[in-house]
Protein backbone atom coordinates (compact mmCIF):
# COMPACT_ATOMS: atom_id res chain seq x y z
CA UNK A 1 -3.24 0.66 -20.12
CA UNK A 2 -4.77 -0.94 -17.03
CA UNK A 3 -6.50 -4.27 -17.68
CA UNK A 4 -10.27 -4.68 -17.55
CA UNK A 5 -9.84 -7.28 -14.79
CA UNK A 6 -7.99 -4.82 -12.55
CA UNK A 7 -10.54 -2.09 -13.23
CA UNK A 8 -13.46 -4.44 -12.47
CA UNK A 9 -11.91 -5.46 -9.16
CA UNK A 10 -11.11 -1.83 -8.35
CA UNK A 11 -14.77 -0.98 -8.95
CA UNK A 12 -16.01 -3.84 -6.76
CA UNK A 13 -13.68 -2.96 -3.90
CA UNK A 14 -14.58 0.71 -4.17
CA UNK A 15 -18.31 -0.08 -4.09
CA UNK A 16 -17.96 -2.45 -1.13
CA UNK A 17 -16.06 -0.01 1.08
CA UNK A 18 -16.95 3.44 -0.35
CA UNK A 19 -13.29 4.21 -0.85
CA UNK A 20 -13.62 7.04 -3.39
CA UNK A 21 -16.54 9.45 -3.12
CA UNK A 22 -17.87 12.64 -4.63
CA UNK A 23 -15.68 15.64 -3.90
CA UNK A 24 -12.68 13.69 -2.60
CA UNK A 25 -9.20 15.06 -3.10
CA UNK A 26 -6.96 12.02 -2.90
CA UNK A 27 -3.21 11.80 -2.46
CA UNK A 28 -1.75 8.63 -3.97
CA UNK A 29 1.50 7.52 -2.37
CA UNK A 30 3.71 6.92 -5.42
CA UNK A 31 6.99 5.19 -4.55
CA UNK A 32 7.49 4.23 -8.17
CA UNK A 33 7.24 0.50 -7.49
CA UNK A 34 4.92 -1.82 -9.42
CA UNK A 35 2.12 -1.56 -6.86
CA UNK A 36 1.96 2.21 -6.59
CA UNK A 37 2.35 2.72 -10.34
CA UNK A 38 -0.55 0.36 -11.00
CA UNK A 39 -2.56 2.15 -8.33
CA UNK A 40 -2.07 5.64 -9.73
CA UNK A 41 -2.86 4.53 -13.29
CA UNK A 42 -5.94 2.59 -12.18
CA UNK A 43 -7.23 5.54 -10.16
CA UNK A 44 -6.53 7.89 -13.08
CA UNK A 45 -8.71 5.63 -15.25
CA UNK A 46 -11.30 5.44 -12.48
CA UNK A 47 -11.37 9.24 -12.40
CA UNK A 48 -12.12 9.26 -16.12
CA UNK A 49 -14.91 6.67 -15.84
CA UNK A 50 -16.59 7.57 -12.54
CA UNK A 51 -20.07 9.18 -12.61
CA UNK A 52 -18.89 11.60 -9.92
CA UNK A 53 -16.01 14.03 -9.54
CA UNK A 54 -12.90 13.60 -7.45
CA UNK A 55 -9.37 14.99 -7.61
CA UNK A 56 -6.17 13.00 -7.67
CA UNK A 57 -2.53 13.88 -7.05
CA UNK A 58 0.52 11.62 -6.75
CA UNK A 59 3.19 12.29 -4.15
CA UNK A 60 6.61 10.67 -3.94
CA UNK A 61 8.47 10.87 -0.64
CA UNK A 62 12.16 11.74 -1.09
CA UNK A 63 14.25 10.43 1.79
CA UNK A 64 16.94 13.07 1.38
CA UNK A 65 19.67 10.84 0.00
CA UNK A 66 19.99 12.28 -3.48
CA UNK A 67 17.37 10.14 -5.23
CA UNK A 68 16.88 10.58 -8.96
CA UNK A 69 13.17 10.65 -9.74
CA UNK A 70 13.54 12.12 -13.23
CA UNK A 71 12.10 9.06 -15.01
CA UNK A 72 9.13 8.94 -12.63
CA UNK A 73 8.52 12.68 -12.99
CA UNK A 74 8.57 12.41 -16.78
CA UNK A 75 6.30 9.36 -16.68
CA UNK A 76 3.67 11.21 -14.66
CA UNK A 77 3.95 14.28 -16.86
CA UNK A 78 3.48 12.26 -20.05
CA UNK A 79 0.37 10.56 -18.61
CA UNK A 80 -1.23 13.72 -17.26
CA UNK A 81 -0.79 12.74 -13.61
CA UNK A 82 -0.27 15.64 -11.21
CA UNK A 83 2.88 14.68 -9.33
CA UNK A 84 4.86 16.22 -6.49
CA UNK A 85 8.09 15.26 -4.74
CA UNK A 86 7.80 15.64 -0.96
CA UNK A 87 11.28 16.27 0.44
CA UNK A 88 12.13 14.89 3.88
CA UNK A 89 15.17 14.27 6.07
CA UNK A 90 14.21 10.65 6.80
CA UNK A 91 17.65 9.38 5.75
CA UNK A 92 19.49 11.68 8.17
CA UNK A 93 17.00 10.87 10.92
CA UNK A 94 17.58 7.17 10.36
CA UNK A 95 21.32 7.66 10.89
CA UNK A 96 20.52 8.86 14.41
CA UNK A 97 17.66 6.48 15.24
CA UNK A 98 18.45 3.09 13.71
CA UNK A 99 20.73 0.85 15.73
CA UNK A 100 23.24 -1.47 14.07
CA UNK A 101 21.78 -4.82 12.96
CA UNK A 102 18.24 -3.70 13.83
CA UNK A 103 15.04 -4.17 11.85
CA UNK A 104 14.13 -1.28 9.60
CA UNK A 105 10.78 -1.99 7.89
CA UNK A 106 8.51 -0.62 10.60
CA UNK A 107 10.74 2.43 11.12
CA UNK A 108 10.74 3.52 7.48
CA UNK A 109 7.08 2.61 7.09
CA UNK A 110 6.11 4.90 9.96
CA UNK A 111 8.32 7.72 8.74
CA UNK A 112 7.08 7.42 5.16
CA UNK A 113 3.43 7.25 6.25
CA UNK A 114 3.84 10.32 8.44
CA UNK A 115 5.41 12.19 5.52
CA UNK A 116 2.47 11.29 3.27
CA UNK A 117 0.05 12.54 5.92
CA UNK A 118 1.96 15.82 6.10
CA UNK A 119 1.88 16.11 2.31
CA UNK A 120 -1.87 15.41 2.28
CA UNK A 121 -2.45 18.28 4.68
CA UNK A 122 -0.15 20.53 2.63
CA UNK A 123 -2.03 19.82 -0.61
CA UNK A 124 -5.50 19.93 0.94
CA UNK A 125 -6.31 16.23 0.51
CA UNK A 126 -8.88 14.44 2.64
CA UNK A 127 -7.77 10.91 1.71
CA UNK A 128 -4.50 9.04 1.19
CA UNK A 129 -4.42 6.01 -1.14
CA UNK A 130 -1.83 3.28 -0.58
CA UNK A 131 -0.86 0.42 -2.89
CA UNK A 132 -1.18 -2.58 -0.55
CA UNK A 133 -2.61 -5.74 -2.13
CA UNK A 134 -4.11 -9.04 -0.96
CA UNK A 135 -0.71 -10.71 -0.62
CA UNK A 136 0.36 -7.90 1.74
CA UNK A 137 -2.83 -8.37 3.79
CA UNK A 138 -2.36 -12.14 4.03
CA UNK A 139 1.31 -11.81 4.98
CA UNK A 140 0.47 -9.22 7.64
CA UNK A 141 -2.26 -11.47 9.06
CA UNK A 142 0.06 -14.46 9.47
CA UNK A 143 2.92 -12.29 10.79
CA UNK A 144 0.61 -10.91 13.47
CA UNK A 145 -0.77 -14.37 14.24
CA UNK A 146 2.57 -16.15 14.48
CA UNK A 147 4.86 -13.47 15.93
CA UNK A 148 2.47 -11.23 17.90
CA UNK A 149 -0.44 -13.50 18.89
CA UNK A 150 -2.82 -10.96 17.36
CA UNK A 151 -5.60 -11.38 14.77
CA UNK A 152 -4.91 -8.33 12.64
CA UNK A 153 -4.49 -7.53 8.94
CA UNK A 154 -4.72 -4.47 6.63
CA UNK A 155 -8.04 -2.64 6.47
CA UNK A 156 -9.37 -1.41 3.11
CA UNK A 157 -10.21 1.90 4.80
CA UNK A 158 -9.47 3.54 8.14
CA UNK A 159 -9.21 6.92 9.77
CA UNK A 160 -5.73 8.05 10.83
CA UNK A 161 -5.16 9.84 14.12
CA UNK A 162 -5.03 13.21 12.34
CA UNK A 163 -8.44 12.66 10.75
CA UNK A 164 -7.29 11.68 7.25
CA UNK A 165 -9.02 8.71 5.63
CA UNK A 166 -6.55 6.09 4.37
CA UNK A 167 -7.75 3.80 1.57
CA UNK A 168 -6.28 0.71 -0.09
CA UNK A 169 -8.03 0.32 -3.48
CA UNK A 170 -5.88 -2.68 -4.52
CA UNK A 171 -6.37 -4.65 -1.30
CA UNK A 172 -8.38 -7.44 -2.96
CA UNK A 173 -5.94 -7.91 -5.86
CA UNK A 174 -2.99 -10.26 -6.14
CA UNK A 175 0.58 -9.01 -6.26
CA UNK A 176 1.20 -10.90 -9.48
CA UNK A 177 -1.62 -8.98 -11.19
CA UNK A 178 0.10 -5.70 -10.37
CA UNK A 179 3.51 -7.00 -11.43
CA UNK A 180 2.01 -8.09 -14.75
CA UNK A 181 0.41 -4.67 -15.27
CA UNK A 182 3.73 -2.90 -14.72
CA UNK A 183 5.58 -5.34 -16.97
CA UNK A 184 3.01 -5.33 -19.78
CA UNK A 185 2.94 -1.53 -19.87
CA UNK A 186 6.72 -1.19 -19.55
CA UNK A 187 6.35 1.32 -16.72
CA UNK A 188 9.63 2.67 -15.26
CA UNK A 189 9.45 0.88 -11.92
CA UNK A 190 11.72 1.68 -8.99
CA UNK A 191 12.84 -1.29 -6.92
CA UNK A 192 14.54 -1.93 -3.58
CA UNK A 193 17.56 0.07 -4.67
CA UNK A 194 15.64 3.24 -3.70
CA UNK A 195 15.10 2.05 -0.12
CA UNK A 196 17.37 3.91 2.33
CA UNK A 197 17.84 0.75 4.37
CA UNK A 198 20.17 -0.53 1.63
CA UNK A 199 22.73 1.95 2.99
CA UNK A 200 22.54 0.68 6.57
CA UNK A 201 23.81 -2.40 8.37
CA UNK A 202 20.35 -3.67 9.22
CA UNK A 203 18.46 -6.94 9.20
CA UNK A 204 16.52 -7.88 6.13
CA UNK A 205 12.76 -8.31 6.72
CA UNK A 206 13.01 -12.06 7.23
CA UNK A 207 9.56 -12.43 8.86
CA UNK A 208 7.68 -11.12 5.82
CA UNK A 209 9.90 -13.14 3.49
CA UNK A 210 9.10 -16.25 5.53
CA UNK A 211 5.37 -15.53 5.30
CA UNK A 212 5.63 -15.04 1.55
CA UNK A 213 7.39 -18.40 1.19
CA UNK A 214 4.91 -20.13 3.50
CA UNK A 215 1.91 -18.77 1.62
CA UNK A 216 3.43 -19.73 -1.72
CA UNK A 217 3.88 -23.29 -0.51
CA UNK A 218 0.33 -23.37 0.90
CA UNK A 219 -1.09 -22.02 -2.36
CA UNK A 220 0.74 -24.78 -4.23
CA UNK A 221 -1.19 -27.30 -2.15
CA UNK A 222 -4.44 -25.33 -1.95
CA UNK A 223 -4.85 -23.35 -5.21
CA UNK A 224 -7.90 -21.44 -3.94
CA UNK A 225 -6.08 -20.28 -0.80
CA UNK A 226 -6.18 -16.55 -1.54
CA UNK A 227 -9.80 -16.70 -2.68
CA UNK A 228 -10.62 -18.21 0.71
CA UNK A 229 -8.47 -15.65 2.56
CA UNK A 230 -10.21 -12.81 0.78
CA UNK A 231 -13.60 -14.26 1.70
CA UNK A 232 -12.55 -14.99 5.29
CA UNK A 233 -11.43 -11.40 5.85
CA UNK A 234 -15.04 -10.39 5.17
CA UNK A 235 -16.68 -13.11 7.27
CA UNK A 236 -15.40 -12.72 10.82
CA UNK A 237 -17.12 -14.59 13.66
CA UNK A 238 -15.42 -12.61 16.40
CA UNK A 239 -17.61 -14.14 19.11
CA UNK A 240 -15.92 -17.50 18.51
CA UNK A 241 -12.53 -16.39 19.85
CA UNK A 242 -11.15 -15.98 23.37
CA UNK A 243 -11.72 -12.27 24.04
CA UNK A 244 -13.54 -11.94 27.43
CA UNK A 245 -15.13 -8.65 26.40
CA UNK A 246 -17.19 -10.51 23.80
CA UNK A 247 -18.72 -12.81 26.40
CA UNK A 248 -20.25 -10.27 28.76
CA UNK A 249 -23.73 -11.84 28.51
């Protein structure tokens, strides 16, 4: 059962950004982790409550390394969630593409996202829902700021190059809320052991881990930090920065 607090926030985020609309057929990327499991259950409940009709399917990307998704398949079946496994050769491709001691997060993220887009086209979906949350958005913002000199985060909604609309219904929720939902419901979560990078000699994602630690320390000092971050992401004075294109008076 998804908590009332999560469902209220889902409703507010959906209303603010028009994420789910009449007639949508939405593919939910279901890795089996705490975030995606909470997402698919929350959207299933949203489907039941909404005063309009939309369709929902869950798709799990198989990397081609002999994954066992039997528990996840049974979980979806028992909860009436339409679920498909999308087979790929990402693991074999990675053997050819990834260099020793290189970073892997962006590589697998791109490959996985592309596979979900392909699955969405295959199943006739017009939208793809991803399980990113506010902690992900904050970490991405500070990673881009510190390492790339770029003010950039994770949008609640955007159009991919192939025309699909990508939505992030959990983007204003905290990671700990989603972890609690998975724990309280005893959902069969899949962890890092399912990531193909565990089989390669690659760097761990130290930058994101550093951002997570930094934000945790900041939140200890400023308890309302994430409330302020959430508000700031919606109040952007872009004319106060150093982009010359914004000063063509």
